[in-house]
Amino acid sequence: MTPKKYQILAVEDDRETLFLYQSAFSKHFDIHEAVSVPKALKMLEKQAIDLIILDLSLMGKKDGLDLTRTIRSTEKWKKIPIVAVTAHAFIQDRRNVLEAGCDQYVSKPVHLSELLKIIRNYLPE
């Protein structure tokens, strides 16, 4: 029996970063992409997601913190681990990310090997 391949939603509006996530993680996980809050919500509706990698700055009027609050207030999604990976690197940014409901905060630039370790902490083998 083949082990389950986890489903990860990368919410990021930078195409190069999405490409890096696909390149680094697609052999371990199925990577789904969204560049905005509405697209992320659409993906969550159609695909069972095991973990979200989230940038704070996104296309459109809503940002990653808005998405986090929506996810945490929706019963079927509220337990999905959210790892914020962001260039917002001030202490207050970290506090805002965690208060909004993200499980982990990582500032950019991040080493992909470090991010993979963080992801694996939330997804059992």
PDB file of N, CA and C in Angstrom:
ATOM      1  N   MET A   1       0.850  -1.190   0.000  1.00  0.00           N
ATOM      2  CA  MET A   1       0.000   0.000   0.000  1.00  0.00           C
ATOM      3  C   MET A   1       0.885   1.239   0.000  1.00  0.00           C
ATOM      4  N   THR A   2       0.589   2.179  -0.859  1.00  0.00           N
ATOM      5  CA  THR A   2       1.363   3.413  -0.970  1.00  0.00           C
ATOM      6  C   THR A   2       0.989   4.354   0.164  1.00  0.00           C
ATOM      7  N   PRO A   3       1.998   4.986   0.800  1.00  0.00           N
ATOM      8  CA  PRO A   3       1.656   5.941   1.853  1.00  0.00           C
ATOM      9  C   PRO A   3       0.920   7.146   1.279  1.00  0.00           C
ATOM     10  N   LYS A   4       0.126   7.771   2.117  1.00  0.00           N
ATOM     11  CA  LYS A   4      -0.648   8.942   1.709  1.00  0.00           C
ATOM     12  C   LYS A   4       0.297  10.062   1.294  1.00  0.00           C
ATOM     13  N   LYS A   5      -0.021  10.719   0.185  1.00  0.00           N
ATOM     14  CA  LYS A   5       0.734  11.900  -0.218  1.00  0.00           C
ATOM     15  C   LYS A   5      -0.058  13.107   0.284  1.00  0.00           C
ATOM     16  N   TYR A   6       0.545  13.853   1.183  1.00  0.00           N
ATOM     17  CA  TYR A   6      -0.135  15.000   1.782  1.00  0.00           C
ATOM     18  C   TYR A   6      -0.387  16.099   0.770  1.00  0.00           C
ATOM     19  N   GLN A   7      -1.481  16.819   1.003  1.00  0.00           N
ATOM     20  CA  GLN A   7      -1.912  17.915   0.131  1.00  0.00           C
ATOM     21  C   GLN A   7      -1.553  19.237   0.807  1.00  0.00           C
ATOM     22  N   ILE A   8      -0.718  20.018   0.130  1.00  0.00           N
ATOM     23  CA  ILE A   8      -0.291  21.306   0.672  1.00  0.00           C
ATOM     24  C   ILE A   8      -0.789  22.415  -0.233  1.00  0.00           C
ATOM     25  N   LEU A   9      -1.351  23.439   0.374  1.00  0.00           N
ATOM     26  CA  LEU A   9      -1.781  24.623  -0.357  1.00  0.00           C
ATOM     27  C   LEU A   9      -0.754  25.724  -0.121  1.00  0.00           C
ATOM     28  N   ALA A  10      -0.105  26.165  -1.195  1.00  0.00           N
ATOM     29  CA  ALA A  10       0.843  27.279  -1.132  1.00  0.00           C
ATOM     30  C   ALA A  10       0.094  28.529  -1.583  1.00  0.00           C
ATOM     31  N   VAL A  11      -0.123  29.444  -0.648  1.00  0.00           N
ATOM     32  CA  VAL A  11      -0.821  30.692  -0.943  1.00  0.00           C
ATOM     33  C   VAL A  11       0.253  31.777  -1.029  1.00  0.00           C
ATOM     34  N   GLU A  12       0.562  32.149  -2.258  1.00  0.00           N
ATOM     35  CA  GLU A  12       1.720  33.008  -2.530  1.00  0.00           C
ATOM     36  C   GLU A  12       1.487  33.680  -3.879  1.00  0.00           C
ATOM     37  N   ASP A  13       1.713  34.997  -3.950  1.00  0.00           N
ATOM     38  CA  ASP A  13       1.487  35.672  -5.231  1.00  0.00           C
ATOM     39  C   ASP A  13       2.766  35.869  -6.047  1.00  0.00           C
ATOM     40  N   ASP A  14       3.873  35.376  -5.565  1.00  0.00           N
ATOM     41  CA  ASP A  14       5.129  35.453  -6.304  1.00  0.00           C
ATOM     42  C   ASP A  14       5.351  34.127  -7.044  1.00  0.00           C
ATOM     43  N   ARG A  15       5.328  34.179  -8.361  1.00  0.00           N
ATOM     44  CA  ARG A  15       5.447  32.974  -9.189  1.00  0.00           C
ATOM     45  C   ARG A  15       6.768  32.243  -8.965  1.00  0.00           C
ATOM     46  N   GLU A  16       7.850  32.975  -8.763  1.00  0.00           N
ATOM     47  CA  GLU A  16       9.152  32.326  -8.531  1.00  0.00           C
ATOM     48  C   GLU A  16       9.137  31.512  -7.244  1.00  0.00           C
ATOM     49  N   THR A  17       8.523  32.052  -6.216  1.00  0.00           N
ATOM     50  CA  THR A  17       8.427  31.322  -4.949  1.00  0.00           C
ATOM     51  C   THR A  17       7.567  30.080  -5.117  1.00  0.00           C
ATOM     52  N   LEU A  18       6.466  30.199  -5.847  1.00  0.00           N
ATOM     53  CA  LEU A  18       5.626  29.022  -6.107  1.00  0.00           C
ATOM     54  C   LEU A  18       6.407  27.963  -6.871  1.00  0.00           C
ATOM     55  N   PHE A  19       7.201  28.389  -7.838  1.00  0.00           N
ATOM     56  CA  PHE A  19       8.034  27.456  -8.588  1.00  0.00           C
ATOM     57  C   PHE A  19       9.029  26.752  -7.665  1.00  0.00           C
ATOM     58  N   LEU A  20       9.634  27.506  -6.753  1.00  0.00           N
ATOM     59  CA  LEU A  20      10.570  26.905  -5.788  1.00  0.00           C
ATOM     60  C   LEU A  20       9.871  25.876  -4.909  1.00  0.00           C
ATOM     61  N   TYR A  21       8.684  26.200  -4.435  1.00  0.00           N
ATOM     62  CA  TYR A  21       7.930  25.244  -3.609  1.00  0.00           C
ATOM     63  C   TYR A  21       7.627  23.975  -4.404  1.00  0.00           C
ATOM     64  N   GLN A  22       7.174  24.148  -5.642  1.00  0.00           N
ATOM     65  CA  GLN A  22       6.879  22.983  -6.481  1.00  0.00           C
ATOM     66  C   GLN A  22       8.138  22.142  -6.680  1.00  0.00           C
ATOM     67  N   SER A  23       9.237  22.801  -7.010  1.00  0.00           N
ATOM     68  CA  SER A  23      10.491  22.086  -7.280  1.00  0.00           C
ATOM     69  C   SER A  23      10.999  21.346  -6.050  1.00  0.00           C
ATOM     70  N   ALA A  24      10.935  22.001  -4.908  1.00  0.00           N
ATOM     71  CA  ALA A  24      11.506  21.429  -3.687  1.00  0.00           C
ATOM     72  C   ALA A  24      10.610  20.391  -3.025  1.00  0.00           C
ATOM     73  N   PHE A  25       9.300  20.547  -3.124  1.00  0.00           N
ATOM     74  CA  PHE A  25       8.404  19.744  -2.306  1.00  0.00           C
ATOM     75  C   PHE A  25       7.527  18.757  -3.068  1.00  0.00           C
ATOM     76  N   SER A  26       7.442  18.850  -4.389  1.00  0.00           N
ATOM     77  CA  SER A  26       6.480  18.016  -5.121  1.00  0.00           C
ATOM     78  C   SER A  26       6.797  16.518  -5.046  1.00  0.00           C
ATOM     79  N   LYS A  27       8.048  16.163  -4.757  1.00  0.00           N
ATOM     80  CA  LYS A  27       8.322  14.725  -4.606  1.00  0.00           C
ATOM     81  C   LYS A  27       7.831  14.201  -3.260  1.00  0.00           C
ATOM     82  N   HIS A  28       7.597  15.102  -2.314  1.00  0.00           N
ATOM     83  CA  HIS A  28       7.118  14.716  -0.982  1.00  0.00           C
ATOM     84  C   HIS A  28       5.603  14.903  -0.832  1.00  0.00           C
ATOM     85  N   PHE A  29       5.075  15.931  -1.480  1.00  0.00           N
ATOM     86  CA  PHE A  29       3.679  16.334  -1.277  1.00  0.00           C
ATOM     87  C   PHE A  29       3.060  16.729  -2.616  1.00  0.00           C
ATOM     88  N   ASP A  30       1.730  16.747  -2.657  1.00  0.00           N
ATOM     89  CA  ASP A  30       1.023  17.375  -3.777  1.00  0.00           C
ATOM     90  C   ASP A  30       0.871  18.850  -3.420  1.00  0.00           C
ATOM     91  N   ILE A  31       1.383  19.716  -4.273  1.00  0.00           N
ATOM     92  CA  ILE A  31       1.358  21.154  -4.006  1.00  0.00           C
ATOM     93  C   ILE A  31       0.260  21.800  -4.855  1.00  0.00           C
ATOM     94  N   HIS A  32      -0.655  22.467  -4.193  1.00  0.00           N
ATOM     95  CA  HIS A  32      -1.713  23.232  -4.850  1.00  0.00           C
ATOM     96  C   HIS A  32      -1.379  24.702  -4.651  1.00  0.00           C
ATOM     97  N   GLU A  33      -1.758  25.538  -5.599  1.00  0.00           N
ATOM     98  CA  GLU A  33      -1.363  26.945  -5.549  1.00  0.00           C
ATOM     99  C   GLU A  33      -2.571  27.866  -5.563  1.00  0.00           C
ATOM    100  N   ALA A  34      -2.406  29.003  -4.876  1.00  0.00           N
ATOM    101  CA  ALA A  34      -3.384  30.086  -4.926  1.00  0.00           C
ATOM    102  C   ALA A  34      -2.620  31.398  -4.762  1.00  0.00           C
ATOM    103  N   VAL A  35      -3.020  32.404  -5.533  1.00  0.00           N
ATOM    104  CA  VAL A  35      -2.313  33.686  -5.482  1.00  0.00           C
ATOM    105  C   VAL A  35      -3.100  34.765  -4.741  1.00  0.00           C
ATOM    106  N   SER A  36      -4.301  34.422  -4.280  1.00  0.00           N
ATOM    107  CA  SER A  36      -5.145  35.401  -3.595  1.00  0.00           C
ATOM    108  C   SER A  36      -6.042  34.677  -2.590  1.00  0.00           C
ATOM    109  N   VAL A  37      -6.667  35.460  -1.726  1.00  0.00           N
ATOM    110  CA  VAL A  37      -7.584  34.887  -0.736  1.00  0.00           C
ATOM    111  C   VAL A  37      -8.764  34.186  -1.416  1.00  0.00           C
ATOM    112  N   PRO A  38      -9.454  34.816  -2.392  1.00  0.00           N
ATOM    113  CA  PRO A  38     -10.567  34.106  -3.027  1.00  0.00           C
ATOM    114  C   PRO A  38     -10.140  32.787  -3.688  1.00  0.00           C
ATOM    115  N   LYS A  39      -8.981  32.774  -4.329  1.00  0.00           N
ATOM    116  CA  LYS A  39      -8.515  31.542  -4.974  1.00  0.00           C
ATOM    117  C   LYS A  39      -8.155  30.485  -3.930  1.00  0.00           C
ATOM    118  N   ALA A  40      -7.604  30.917  -2.798  1.00  0.00           N
ATOM    119  CA  ALA A  40      -7.290  29.967  -1.722  1.00  0.00           C
ATOM    120  C   ALA A  40      -8.570  29.359  -1.158  1.00  0.00           C
ATOM    121  N   LEU A  41      -9.583  30.171  -0.945  1.00  0.00           N
ATOM    122  CA  LEU A  41     -10.853  29.665  -0.421  1.00  0.00           C
ATOM    123  C   LEU A  41     -11.504  28.698  -1.407  1.00  0.00           C
ATOM    124  N   LYS A  42     -11.411  29.007  -2.686  1.00  0.00           N
ATOM    125  CA  LYS A  42     -11.945  28.117  -3.722  1.00  0.00           C
ATOM    126  C   LYS A  42     -11.231  26.764  -3.682  1.00  0.00           C
ATOM    127  N   MET A  43      -9.907  26.803  -3.536  1.00  0.00           N
ATOM    128  CA  MET A  43      -9.129  25.566  -3.475  1.00  0.00           C
ATOM    129  C   MET A  43      -9.497  24.761  -2.226  1.00  0.00           C
ATOM    130  N   LEU A  44      -9.660  25.434  -1.097  1.00  0.00           N
ATOM    131  CA  LEU A  44     -10.043  24.743   0.137  1.00  0.00           C
ATOM    132  C   LEU A  44     -11.407  24.070  -0.001  1.00  0.00           C
ATOM    133  N   GLU A  45     -12.301  24.687  -0.764  1.00  0.00           N
ATOM    134  CA  GLU A  45     -13.634  24.104  -0.983  1.00  0.00           C
ATOM    135  C   GLU A  45     -13.558  22.821  -1.805  1.00  0.00           C
ATOM    136  N   LYS A  46     -12.637  22.760  -2.772  1.00  0.00           N
ATOM    137  CA  LYS A  46     -12.630  21.613  -3.678  1.00  0.00           C
ATOM    138  C   LYS A  46     -11.606  20.541  -3.336  1.00  0.00           C
ATOM    139  N   GLN A  47     -10.630  20.842  -2.475  1.00  0.00           N
ATOM    140  CA  GLN A  47      -9.557  19.895  -2.190  1.00  0.00           C
ATOM    141  C   GLN A  47      -9.331  19.783  -0.682  1.00  0.00           C
ATOM    142  N   ALA A  48      -9.233  18.577  -0.180  1.00  0.00           N
ATOM    143  CA  ALA A  48      -8.890  18.382   1.234  1.00  0.00           C
ATOM    144  C   ALA A  48      -7.410  18.733   1.398  1.00  0.00           C
ATOM    145  N   ILE A  49      -7.126  19.754   2.173  1.00  0.00           N
ATOM    146  CA  ILE A  49      -5.766  20.265   2.358  1.00  0.00           C
ATOM    147  C   ILE A  49      -5.267  19.861   3.740  1.00  0.00           C
ATOM    148  N   ASP A  50      -4.007  19.402   3.793  1.00  0.00           N
ATOM    149  CA  ASP A  50      -3.405  18.977   5.061  1.00  0.00           C
ATOM    150  C   ASP A  50      -2.593  20.065   5.740  1.00  0.00           C
ATOM    151  N   LEU A  51      -2.092  21.043   4.960  1.00  0.00           N
ATOM    152  CA  LEU A  51      -1.263  22.117   5.525  1.00  0.00           C
ATOM    153  C   LEU A  51      -1.240  23.265   4.532  1.00  0.00           C
ATOM    154  N   ILE A  52      -1.135  24.491   5.065  1.00  0.00           N
ATOM    155  CA  ILE A  52      -1.074  25.684   4.225  1.00  0.00           C
ATOM    156  C   ILE A  52       0.244  26.404   4.483  1.00  0.00           C
ATOM    157  N   ILE A  53       0.948  26.730   3.393  1.00  0.00           N
ATOM    158  CA  ILE A  53       2.105  27.630   3.441  1.00  0.00           C
ATOM    159  C   ILE A  53       1.568  28.976   2.975  1.00  0.00           C
ATOM    160  N   LEU A  54       1.696  29.998   3.784  1.00  0.00           N
ATOM    161  CA  LEU A  54       0.984  31.247   3.541  1.00  0.00           C
ATOM    162  C   LEU A  54       1.909  32.456   3.547  1.00  0.00           C
ATOM    163  N   ASP A  55       1.837  33.238   2.480  1.00  0.00           N
ATOM    164  CA  ASP A  55       2.474  34.550   2.459  1.00  0.00           C
ATOM    165  C   ASP A  55       1.445  35.551   2.973  1.00  0.00           C
ATOM    166  N   LEU A  56       1.893  36.626   3.596  1.00  0.00           N
ATOM    167  CA  LEU A  56       0.951  37.618   4.106  1.00  0.00           C
ATOM    168  C   LEU A  56       0.481  38.575   3.022  1.00  0.00           C
ATOM    169  N   SER A  57       1.373  38.992   2.155  1.00  0.00           N
ATOM    170  CA  SER A  57       1.028  39.936   1.086  1.00  0.00           C
ATOM    171  C   SER A  57       0.542  39.150  -0.123  1.00  0.00           C
ATOM    172  N   LEU A  58      -0.713  39.399  -0.491  1.00  0.00           N
ATOM    173  CA  LEU A  58      -1.324  38.645  -1.604  1.00  0.00           C
ATOM    174  C   LEU A  58      -2.004  39.603  -2.561  1.00  0.00           C
ATOM    175  N   MET A  59      -2.323  39.099  -3.758  1.00  0.00           N
ATOM    176  CA  MET A  59      -3.074  39.887  -4.729  1.00  0.00           C
ATOM    177  C   MET A  59      -4.463  40.179  -4.177  1.00  0.00           C
ATOM    178  N   GLY A  60      -4.990  41.360  -4.461  1.00  0.00           N
ATOM    179  CA  GLY A  60      -6.351  41.693  -4.056  1.00  0.00           C
ATOM    180  C   GLY A  60      -6.409  42.485  -2.767  1.00  0.00           C
ATOM    181  N   LYS A  61      -7.626  42.660  -2.286  1.00  0.00           N
ATOM    182  CA  LYS A  61      -7.875  43.505  -1.116  1.00  0.00           C
ATOM    183  C   LYS A  61      -7.586  42.806   0.207  1.00  0.00           C
ATOM    184  N   LYS A  62      -7.665  41.484   0.223  1.00  0.00           N
ATOM    185  CA  LYS A  62      -7.456  40.740   1.473  1.00  0.00           C
ATOM    186  C   LYS A  62      -6.056  40.157   1.496  1.00  0.00           C
ATOM    187  N   ASP A  63      -5.517  40.015   2.711  1.00  0.00           N
ATOM    188  CA  ASP A  63      -4.157  39.486   2.858  1.00  0.00           C
ATOM    189  C   ASP A  63      -4.175  38.150   3.594  1.00  0.00           C
ATOM    190  N   GLY A  64      -2.982  37.648   3.878  1.00  0.00           N
ATOM    191  CA  GLY A  64      -2.849  36.363   4.535  1.00  0.00           C
ATOM    192  C   GLY A  64      -3.480  36.307   5.922  1.00  0.00           C
ATOM    193  N   LEU A  65      -3.449  37.424   6.636  1.00  0.00           N
ATOM    194  CA  LEU A  65      -4.080  37.440   7.968  1.00  0.00           C
ATOM    195  C   LEU A  65      -5.595  37.320   7.839  1.00  0.00           C
ATOM    196  N   ASP A  66      -6.171  37.971   6.826  1.00  0.00           N
ATOM    197  CA  ASP A  66      -7.618  37.831   6.582  1.00  0.00           C
ATOM    198  C   ASP A  66      -7.965  36.371   6.275  1.00  0.00           C
ATOM    199  N   LEU A  67      -7.142  35.748   5.435  1.00  0.00           N
ATOM    200  CA  LEU A  67      -7.379  34.339   5.101  1.00  0.00           C
ATOM    201  C   LEU A  67      -7.269  33.461   6.344  1.00  0.00           C
ATOM    202  N   THR A  68      -6.269  33.701   7.160  1.00  0.00           N
ATOM    203  CA  THR A  68      -6.092  32.917   8.389  1.00  0.00           C
ATOM    204  C   THR A  68      -7.314  33.031   9.288  1.00  0.00           C
ATOM    205  N   ARG A  69      -7.808  34.245   9.475  1.00  0.00           N
ATOM    206  CA  ARG A  69      -8.981  34.437  10.338  1.00  0.00           C
ATOM    207  C   ARG A  69     -10.206  33.707   9.771  1.00  0.00           C
ATOM    208  N   THR A  70     -10.366  33.731   8.450  1.00  0.00           N
ATOM    209  CA  THR A  70     -11.488  33.018   7.827  1.00  0.00           C
ATOM    210  C   THR A  70     -11.349  31.516   8.048  1.00  0.00           C
ATOM    211  N   ILE A  71     -10.162  30.995   7.844  1.00  0.00           N
ATOM    212  CA  ILE A  71      -9.925  29.559   8.031  1.00  0.00           C
ATOM    213  C   ILE A  71     -10.197  29.156   9.477  1.00  0.00           C
ATOM    214  N   ARG A  72      -9.696  29.936  10.416  1.00  0.00           N
ATOM    215  CA  ARG A  72      -9.859  29.597  11.838  1.00  0.00           C
ATOM    216  C   ARG A  72     -11.305  29.720  12.304  1.00  0.00           C
ATOM    217  N   SER A  73     -12.113  30.487  11.593  1.00  0.00           N
ATOM    218  CA  SER A  73     -13.526  30.635  11.991  1.00  0.00           C
ATOM    219  C   SER A  73     -14.445  29.687  11.218  1.00  0.00           C
ATOM    220  N   THR A  74     -13.872  28.830  10.370  1.00  0.00           N
ATOM    221  CA  THR A  74     -14.660  27.869   9.584  1.00  0.00           C
ATOM    222  C   THR A  74     -14.403  26.469  10.135  1.00  0.00           C
ATOM    223  N   GLU A  75     -15.432  25.856  10.642  1.00  0.00           N
ATOM    224  CA  GLU A  75     -15.309  24.583  11.360  1.00  0.00           C
ATOM    225  C   GLU A  75     -14.507  23.527  10.601  1.00  0.00           C
ATOM    226  N   LYS A  76     -14.801  23.330   9.324  1.00  0.00           N
ATOM    227  CA  LYS A  76     -14.155  22.249   8.567  1.00  0.00           C
ATOM    228  C   LYS A  76     -12.684  22.507   8.262  1.00  0.00           C
ATOM    229  N   TRP A  77     -12.214  23.746   8.423  1.00  0.00           N
ATOM    230  CA  TRP A  77     -10.821  24.076   8.105  1.00  0.00           C
ATOM    231  C   TRP A  77      -9.990  24.484   9.312  1.00  0.00           C
ATOM    232  N   LYS A  78     -10.613  24.734  10.433  1.00  0.00           N
ATOM    233  CA  LYS A  78      -9.912  25.416  11.520  1.00  0.00           C
ATOM    234  C   LYS A  78      -8.732  24.650  12.112  1.00  0.00           C
ATOM    235  N   LYS A  79      -8.633  23.356  11.855  1.00  0.00           N
ATOM    236  CA  LYS A  79      -7.506  22.587  12.392  1.00  0.00           C
ATOM    237  C   LYS A  79      -6.361  22.411  11.389  1.00  0.00           C
ATOM    238  N   ILE A  80      -6.497  22.948  10.183  1.00  0.00           N
ATOM    239  CA  ILE A  80      -5.421  22.846   9.188  1.00  0.00           C
ATOM    240  C   ILE A  80      -4.227  23.673   9.672  1.00  0.00           C
ATOM    241  N   PRO A  81      -3.048  23.070   9.774  1.00  0.00           N
ATOM    242  CA  PRO A  81      -1.869  23.854  10.168  1.00  0.00           C
ATOM    243  C   PRO A  81      -1.551  24.918   9.118  1.00  0.00           C
ATOM    244  N   ILE A  82      -1.225  26.113   9.592  1.00  0.00           N
ATOM    245  CA  ILE A  82      -0.854  27.225   8.708  1.00  0.00           C
ATOM    246  C   ILE A  82       0.545  27.687   9.079  1.00  0.00           C
ATOM    247  N   VAL A  83       1.443  27.633   8.105  1.00  0.00           N
ATOM    248  CA  VAL A  83       2.813  28.098   8.277  1.00  0.00           C
ATOM    249  C   VAL A  83       2.954  29.390   7.481  1.00  0.00           C
ATOM    250  N   ALA A  84       3.092  30.504   8.179  1.00  0.00           N
ATOM    251  CA  ALA A  84       3.277  31.798   7.522  1.00  0.00           C
ATOM    252  C   ALA A  84       4.745  31.946   7.153  1.00  0.00           C
ATOM    253  N   VAL A  85       4.999  32.168   5.866  1.00  0.00           N
ATOM    254  CA  VAL A  85       6.352  32.401   5.365  1.00  0.00           C
ATOM    255  C   VAL A  85       6.307  33.785   4.735  1.00  0.00           C
ATOM    256  N   THR A  86       6.949  34.755   5.372  1.00  0.00           N
ATOM    257  CA  THR A  86       6.729  36.132   4.972  1.00  0.00           C
ATOM    258  C   THR A  86       7.968  37.006   5.116  1.00  0.00           C
ATOM    259  N   ALA A  87       7.989  38.065   4.325  1.00  0.00           N
ATOM    260  CA  ALA A  87       9.061  39.053   4.433  1.00  0.00           C
ATOM    261  C   ALA A  87       8.775  40.044   5.566  1.00  0.00           C
ATOM    262  N   HIS A  88       7.586  39.990   6.132  1.00  0.00           N
ATOM    263  CA  HIS A  88       7.248  40.844   7.273  1.00  0.00           C
ATOM    264  C   HIS A  88       8.003  40.301   8.487  1.00  0.00           C
ATOM    265  N   ALA A  89       9.070  40.995   8.876  1.00  0.00           N
ATOM    266  CA  ALA A  89      10.004  40.391   9.831  1.00  0.00           C
ATOM    267  C   ALA A  89      10.116  41.119  11.174  1.00  0.00           C
ATOM    268  N   PHE A  90       9.244  42.051  11.446  1.00  0.00           N
ATOM    269  CA  PHE A  90       9.299  42.741  12.728  1.00  0.00           C
ATOM    270  C   PHE A  90       8.620  41.910  13.816  1.00  0.00           C
ATOM    271  N   ILE A  91       8.962  42.177  15.058  1.00  0.00           N
ATOM    272  CA  ILE A  91       8.379  41.440  16.189  1.00  0.00           C
ATOM    273  C   ILE A  91       6.858  41.558  16.177  1.00  0.00           C
ATOM    274  N   GLN A  92       6.346  42.739  15.869  1.00  0.00           N
ATOM    275  CA  GLN A  92       4.896  42.932  15.826  1.00  0.00           C
ATOM    276  C   GLN A  92       4.262  42.096  14.710  1.00  0.00           C
ATOM    277  N   ASP A  93       4.964  41.932  13.590  1.00  0.00           N
ATOM    278  CA  ASP A  93       4.444  41.090  12.505  1.00  0.00           C
ATOM    279  C   ASP A  93       4.289  39.656  12.990  1.00  0.00           C
ATOM    280  N   ARG A  94       5.304  39.158  13.674  1.00  0.00           N
ATOM    281  CA  ARG A  94       5.249  37.800  14.222  1.00  0.00           C
ATOM    282  C   ARG A  94       4.060  37.657  15.179  1.00  0.00           C
ATOM    283  N   ARG A  95       3.907  38.638  16.039  1.00  0.00           N
ATOM    284  CA  ARG A  95       2.795  38.620  17.004  1.00  0.00           C
ATOM    285  C   ARG A  95       1.454  38.611  16.261  1.00  0.00           C
ATOM    286  N   ASN A  96       1.318  39.464  15.235  1.00  0.00           N
ATOM    287  CA  ASN A  96       0.068  39.531  14.465  1.00  0.00           C
ATOM    288  C   ASN A  96      -0.244  38.203  13.784  1.00  0.00           C
ATOM    289  N   VAL A  97       0.791  37.567  13.233  1.00  0.00           N
ATOM    290  CA  VAL A  97       0.623  36.287  12.540  1.00  0.00           C
ATOM    291  C   VAL A  97       0.114  35.224  13.514  1.00  0.00           C
ATOM    292  N   LEU A  98       0.745  35.136  14.660  1.00  0.00           N
ATOM    293  CA  LEU A  98       0.355  34.112  15.638  1.00  0.00           C
ATOM    294  C   LEU A  98      -1.007  34.413  16.254  1.00  0.00           C
ATOM    295  N   GLU A  99      -1.298  35.699  16.507  1.00  0.00           N
ATOM    296  CA  GLU A  99      -2.602  36.067  17.061  1.00  0.00           C
ATOM    297  C   GLU A  99      -3.731  35.795  16.074  1.00  0.00           C
ATOM    298  N   ALA A 100      -3.467  35.933  14.785  1.00  0.00           N
ATOM    299  CA  ALA A 100      -4.486  35.664  13.767  1.00  0.00           C
ATOM    300  C   ALA A 100      -4.816  34.178  13.691  1.00  0.00           C
ATOM    301  N   GLY A 101      -3.874  33.318  14.134  1.00  0.00           N
ATOM    302  CA  GLY A 101      -4.150  31.892  14.165  1.00  0.00           C
ATOM    303  C   GLY A 101      -3.175  31.020  13.406  1.00  0.00           C
ATOM    304  N   CYS A 102      -2.103  31.600  12.873  1.00  0.00           N
ATOM    305  CA  CYS A 102      -1.093  30.768  12.214  1.00  0.00           C
ATOM    306  C   CYS A 102      -0.388  29.919  13.261  1.00  0.00           C
ATOM    307  N   ASP A 103       0.032  28.739  12.876  1.00  0.00           N
ATOM    308  CA  ASP A 103       0.717  27.839  13.797  1.00  0.00           C
ATOM    309  C   ASP A 103       2.209  28.119  13.874  1.00  0.00           C
ATOM    310  N   GLN A 104       2.754  28.664  12.816  1.00  0.00           N
ATOM    311  CA  GLN A 104       4.203  28.865  12.734  1.00  0.00           C
ATOM    312  C   GLN A 104       4.474  30.125  11.926  1.00  0.00           C
ATOM    313  N   TYR A 105       5.547  30.814  12.281  1.00  0.00           N
ATOM    314  CA  TYR A 105       5.984  32.021  11.581  1.00  0.00           C
ATOM    315  C   TYR A 105       7.426  31.819  11.136  1.00  0.00           C
ATOM    316  N   VAL A 106       7.685  32.039   9.848  1.00  0.00           N
ATOM    317  CA  VAL A 106       9.032  31.932   9.301  1.00  0.00           C
ATOM    318  C   VAL A 106       9.268  33.172   8.454  1.00  0.00           C
ATOM    319  N   SER A 107      10.386  33.870   8.681  1.00  0.00           N
ATOM    320  CA  SER A 107      10.653  35.063   7.874  1.00  0.00           C
ATOM    321  C   SER A 107      11.476  34.689   6.644  1.00  0.00           C
ATOM    322  N   LYS A 108      11.204  35.407   5.561  1.00  0.00           N
ATOM    323  CA  LYS A 108      11.945  35.222   4.311  1.00  0.00           C
ATOM    324  C   LYS A 108      13.247  35.996   4.397  1.00  0.00           C
ATOM    325  N   PRO A 109      14.279  35.566   3.737  1.00  0.00           N
ATOM    326  CA  PRO A 109      14.334  34.334   2.960  1.00  0.00           C
ATOM    327  C   PRO A 109      14.446  33.123   3.886  1.00  0.00           C
ATOM    328  N   VAL A 110      13.849  32.022   3.471  1.00  0.00           N
ATOM    329  CA  VAL A 110      13.879  30.794   4.253  1.00  0.00           C
ATOM    330  C   VAL A 110      14.582  29.718   3.432  1.00  0.00           C
ATOM    331  N   HIS A 111      15.370  28.925   4.097  1.00  0.00           N
ATOM    332  CA  HIS A 111      15.983  27.775   3.428  1.00  0.00           C
ATOM    333  C   HIS A 111      14.908  26.717   3.260  1.00  0.00           C
ATOM    334  N   LEU A 112      14.800  26.177   2.068  1.00  0.00           N
ATOM    335  CA  LEU A 112      13.750  25.200   1.796  1.00  0.00           C
ATOM    336  C   LEU A 112      13.891  23.953   2.661  1.00  0.00           C
ATOM    337  N   SER A 113      15.116  23.588   3.009  1.00  0.00           N
ATOM    338  CA  SER A 113      15.303  22.428   3.893  1.00  0.00           C
ATOM    339  C   SER A 113      14.727  22.714   5.286  1.00  0.00           C
ATOM    340  N   GLU A 114      14.860  23.951   5.743  1.00  0.00           N
ATOM    341  CA  GLU A 114      14.279  24.340   7.038  1.00  0.00           C
ATOM    342  C   GLU A 114      12.756  24.313   6.964  1.00  0.00           C
ATOM    343  N   LEU A 115      12.216  24.816   5.864  1.00  0.00           N
ATOM    344  CA  LEU A 115      10.764  24.812   5.700  1.00  0.00           C
ATOM    345  C   LEU A 115      10.231  23.379   5.614  1.00  0.00           C
ATOM    346  N   LEU A 116      10.954  22.504   4.946  1.00  0.00           N
ATOM    347  CA  LEU A 116      10.544  21.104   4.869  1.00  0.00           C
ATOM    348  C   LEU A 116      10.496  20.475   6.265  1.00  0.00           C
ATOM    349  N   LYS A 117      11.471  20.757   7.107  1.00  0.00           N
ATOM    350  CA  LYS A 117      11.462  20.241   8.494  1.00  0.00           C
ATOM    351  C   LYS A 117      10.238  20.743   9.248  1.00  0.00           C
ATOM    352  N   ILE A 118       9.927  22.026   9.088  1.00  0.00           N
ATOM    353  CA  ILE A 118       8.764  22.614   9.768  1.00  0.00           C
ATOM    354  C   ILE A 118       7.486  21.924   9.296  1.00  0.00           C
ATOM    355  N   ILE A 119       7.358  21.746   7.990  1.00  0.00           N
ATOM    356  CA  ILE A 119       6.169  21.079   7.432  1.00  0.00           C
ATOM    357  C   ILE A 119       6.043  19.675   8.007  1.00  0.00           C
ATOM    358  N   ARG A 120       7.129  18.952   8.029  1.00  0.00           N
ATOM    359  CA  ARG A 120       7.088  17.564   8.528  1.00  0.00           C
ATOM    360  C   ARG A 120       6.724  17.496  10.013  1.00  0.00           C
ATOM    361  N   ASN A 121       7.004  18.547  10.765  1.00  0.00           N
ATOM    362  CA  ASN A 121       6.598  18.580  12.178  1.00  0.00           C
ATOM    363  C   ASN A 121       5.084  18.533  12.322  1.00  0.00           C
ATOM    364  N   TYR A 122       4.370  19.040  11.312  1.00  0.00           N
ATOM    365  CA  TYR A 122       2.913  19.077  11.365  1.00  0.00           C
ATOM    366  C   TYR A 122       2.240  17.898  10.676  1.00  0.00           C
ATOM    367  N   LEU A 123       2.994  17.169   9.843  1.00  0.00           N
ATOM    368  CA  LEU A 123       2.420  16.068   9.096  1.00  0.00           C
ATOM    369  C   LEU A 123       3.101  14.772   9.481  1.00  0.00           C
ATOM    370  N   PRO A 124       2.387  13.864  10.132  1.00  0.00           N
ATOM    371  CA  PRO A 124       3.012  12.612  10.544  1.00  0.00           C
ATOM    372  C   PRO A 124       3.449  11.770   9.347  1.00  0.00           C
ATOM    373  N   GLU A 125       4.498  10.987   9.555  1.00  0.00           N
ATOM    374  CA  GLU A 125       5.008  10.130   8.475  1.00  0.00           C
ATOM    375  C   GLU A 125       4.014   9.046   8.155  1.00  0.00           C
TER     376      GLU A 125
END
